[in-house]
Amino acid sequence: MIDLVANIAFAILAISFALCLYRLLAGPTLPDRVVAIDTITTIIIAMIAVYCMKEGNAIFYDAILVLSILGFVGTVSMAKFLARGGKIFDA
């Protein structure tokens, strides 16, 4: 039963990944692309979690933690960049 549910979850996540990839490539504005990258990171984390659950091991939980932290830091730094109007330094 777990294998069936995991395969369905993989299919749904793959469709979501494809739609977010389209938004990343065709997004008209930079905030659209930032949200797409953040969502893709979340989808990858979910795929790793489903894989760990399907296989019954916890070997990739560290990768989930690292990706979560990198996704959060990247989103916050891009939001700060956009809030400043595209300026990197306050000179």
C-alpha atoms as a PDB file:
ATOM      1  CA  MET A   1       0.000   0.000   0.000  1.00  0.00           C
ATOM      2  CA  ILE A   2       2.867   2.385   0.823  1.00  0.00           C
ATOM      3  CA  ASP A   3       4.403   1.762  -2.601  1.00  0.00           C
ATOM      4  CA  LEU A   4       1.183   2.717  -4.372  1.00  0.00           C
ATOM      5  CA  VAL A   5       0.718   5.886  -2.345  1.00  0.00           C
ATOM      6  CA  ALA A   6       4.380   6.826  -2.789  1.00  0.00           C
ATOM      7  CA  ASN A   7       4.159   6.350  -6.558  1.00  0.00           C
ATOM      8  CA  ILE A   8       1.039   8.531  -6.711  1.00  0.00           C
ATOM      9  CA  ALA A   9       2.802  11.155  -4.592  1.00  0.00           C
ATOM     10  CA  PHE A  10       5.827  11.058  -6.919  1.00  0.00           C
ATOM     11  CA  ALA A  11       3.552  11.599  -9.926  1.00  0.00           C
ATOM     12  CA  ILE A  12       1.806  14.554  -8.317  1.00  0.00           C
ATOM     13  CA  LEU A  13       5.125  16.070  -7.241  1.00  0.00           C
ATOM     14  CA  ALA A  14       6.564  15.603 -10.737  1.00  0.00           C
ATOM     15  CA  ILE A  15       3.608  17.449 -12.265  1.00  0.00           C
ATOM     16  CA  SER A  16       4.013  20.218  -9.694  1.00  0.00           C
ATOM     17  CA  PHE A  17       7.734  20.398 -10.457  1.00  0.00           C
ATOM     18  CA  ALA A  18       7.043  20.759 -14.176  1.00  0.00           C
ATOM     19  CA  LEU A  19       4.522  23.541 -13.610  1.00  0.00           C
ATOM     20  CA  CYS A  20       6.902  25.421 -11.321  1.00  0.00           C
ATOM     21  CA  LEU A  21       9.723  24.988 -13.810  1.00  0.00           C
ATOM     22  CA  TYR A  22       7.495  26.566 -16.460  1.00  0.00           C
ATOM     23  CA  ARG A  23       6.785  29.496 -14.124  1.00  0.00           C
ATOM     24  CA  LEU A  24      10.507  29.840 -13.464  1.00  0.00           C
ATOM     25  CA  LEU A  25      11.347  30.015 -17.153  1.00  0.00           C
ATOM     26  CA  ALA A  26       8.352  32.053 -18.330  1.00  0.00           C
ATOM     27  CA  GLY A  27       7.760  34.188 -15.242  1.00  0.00           C
ATOM     28  CA  PRO A  28       7.261  37.777 -16.311  1.00  0.00           C
ATOM     29  CA  THR A  29       8.719  39.294 -13.141  1.00  0.00           C
ATOM     30  CA  LEU A  30      11.550  38.509 -10.758  1.00  0.00           C
ATOM     31  CA  PRO A  31       9.261  37.851  -7.749  1.00  0.00           C
ATOM     32  CA  ASP A  32       7.461  35.185  -9.805  1.00  0.00           C
ATOM     33  CA  ARG A  33      10.776  33.478 -10.401  1.00  0.00           C
ATOM     34  CA  VAL A  34      11.763  33.709  -6.726  1.00  0.00           C
ATOM     35  CA  VAL A  35       8.500  32.083  -5.653  1.00  0.00           C
ATOM     36  CA  ALA A  36       8.981  29.380  -8.297  1.00  0.00           C
ATOM     37  CA  ILE A  37      12.490  28.594  -7.031  1.00  0.00           C
ATOM     38  CA  ASP A  38      11.232  28.432  -3.449  1.00  0.00           C
ATOM     39  CA  THR A  39       8.404  26.121  -4.468  1.00  0.00           C
ATOM     40  CA  ILE A  40      10.774  23.892  -6.459  1.00  0.00           C
ATOM     41  CA  THR A  41      12.980  23.595  -3.378  1.00  0.00           C
ATOM     42  CA  THR A  42       9.952  22.558  -1.331  1.00  0.00           C
ATOM     43  CA  ILE A  43       8.934  19.996  -3.968  1.00  0.00           C
ATOM     44  CA  ILE A  44      12.432  18.499  -3.989  1.00  0.00           C
ATOM     45  CA  ILE A  45      12.327  18.242  -0.193  1.00  0.00           C
ATOM     46  CA  ALA A  46       8.955  16.479  -0.430  1.00  0.00           C
ATOM     47  CA  MET A  47      10.310  14.072  -3.064  1.00  0.00           C
ATOM     48  CA  ILE A  48      13.241  13.154  -0.830  1.00  0.00           C
ATOM     49  CA  ALA A  49      10.884  12.641   2.127  1.00  0.00           C
ATOM     50  CA  VAL A  50       8.562  10.390   0.102  1.00  0.00           C
ATOM     51  CA  TYR A  51      11.568   8.398  -1.119  1.00  0.00           C
ATOM     52  CA  CYS A  52      12.806   7.925   2.459  1.00  0.00           C
ATOM     53  CA  MET A  53       9.354   6.830   3.543  1.00  0.00           C
ATOM     54  CA  LYS A  54       9.049   4.403   0.623  1.00  0.00           C
ATOM     55  CA  GLU A  55      12.457   2.834   1.189  1.00  0.00           C
ATOM     56  CA  GLY A  56      12.106   2.778   4.965  1.00  0.00           C
ATOM     57  CA  ASN A  57      15.418   4.431   5.763  1.00  0.00           C
ATOM     58  CA  ALA A  58      16.402   7.782   7.172  1.00  0.00           C
ATOM     59  CA  ILE A  59      19.641   8.309   5.282  1.00  0.00           C
ATOM     60  CA  PHE A  60      18.569  11.480   3.457  1.00  0.00           C
ATOM     61  CA  TYR A  61      17.050  13.381   6.385  1.00  0.00           C
ATOM     62  CA  ASP A  62      20.212  15.463   6.659  1.00  0.00           C
ATOM     63  CA  ALA A  63      19.804  16.479   3.017  1.00  0.00           C
ATOM     64  CA  ILE A  64      16.246  17.579   3.768  1.00  0.00           C
ATOM     65  CA  LEU A  65      17.505  19.746   6.626  1.00  0.00           C
ATOM     66  CA  VAL A  66      20.254  21.349   4.521  1.00  0.00           C
ATOM     67  CA  LEU A  67      17.905  22.044   1.601  1.00  0.00           C
ATOM     68  CA  SER A  68      15.363  23.587   3.956  1.00  0.00           C
ATOM     69  CA  ILE A  69      17.931  25.944   5.439  1.00  0.00           C
ATOM     70  CA  LEU A  70      19.353  26.897   2.027  1.00  0.00           C
ATOM     71  CA  GLY A  71      15.880  27.503   0.627  1.00  0.00           C
ATOM     72  CA  PHE A  72      14.941  29.735   3.536  1.00  0.00           C
ATOM     73  CA  VAL A  73      18.162  31.754   3.425  1.00  0.00           C
ATOM     74  CA  GLY A  74      17.924  32.141  -0.346  1.00  0.00           C
ATOM     75  CA  THR A  75      14.335  33.345  -0.210  1.00  0.00           C
ATOM     76  CA  VAL A  76      15.033  35.814   2.590  1.00  0.00           C
ATOM     77  CA  SER A  77      18.104  37.223   0.859  1.00  0.00           C
ATOM     78  CA  MET A  78      16.226  37.630  -2.425  1.00  0.00           C
ATOM     79  CA  ALA A  79      13.335  39.319  -0.624  1.00  0.00           C
ATOM     80  CA  LYS A  80      15.798  41.725   0.980  1.00  0.00           C
ATOM     81  CA  PHE A  81      17.363  42.375  -2.426  1.00  0.00           C
ATOM     82  CA  LEU A  82      13.965  43.113  -3.966  1.00  0.00           C
ATOM     83  CA  ALA A  83      12.908  45.298  -1.025  1.00  0.00           C
ATOM     84  CA  ARG A  84      15.974  47.511  -1.522  1.00  0.00           C
ATOM     85  CA  GLY A  85      15.092  48.059  -5.148  1.00  0.00           C
ATOM     86  CA  GLY A  86      17.856  45.910  -6.613  1.00  0.00           C
ATOM     87  CA  LYS A  87      20.724  47.416  -4.639  1.00  0.00           C
ATOM     88  CA  ILE A  88      23.208  45.033  -3.095  1.00  0.00           C
ATOM     89  CA  PHE A  89      25.025  47.531  -0.860  1.00  0.00           C
ATOM     90  CA  ASP A  90      23.857  50.727   0.815  1.00  0.00           C
ATOM     91  CA  ALA A  91      26.501  52.972  -0.689  1.00  0.00           C
END
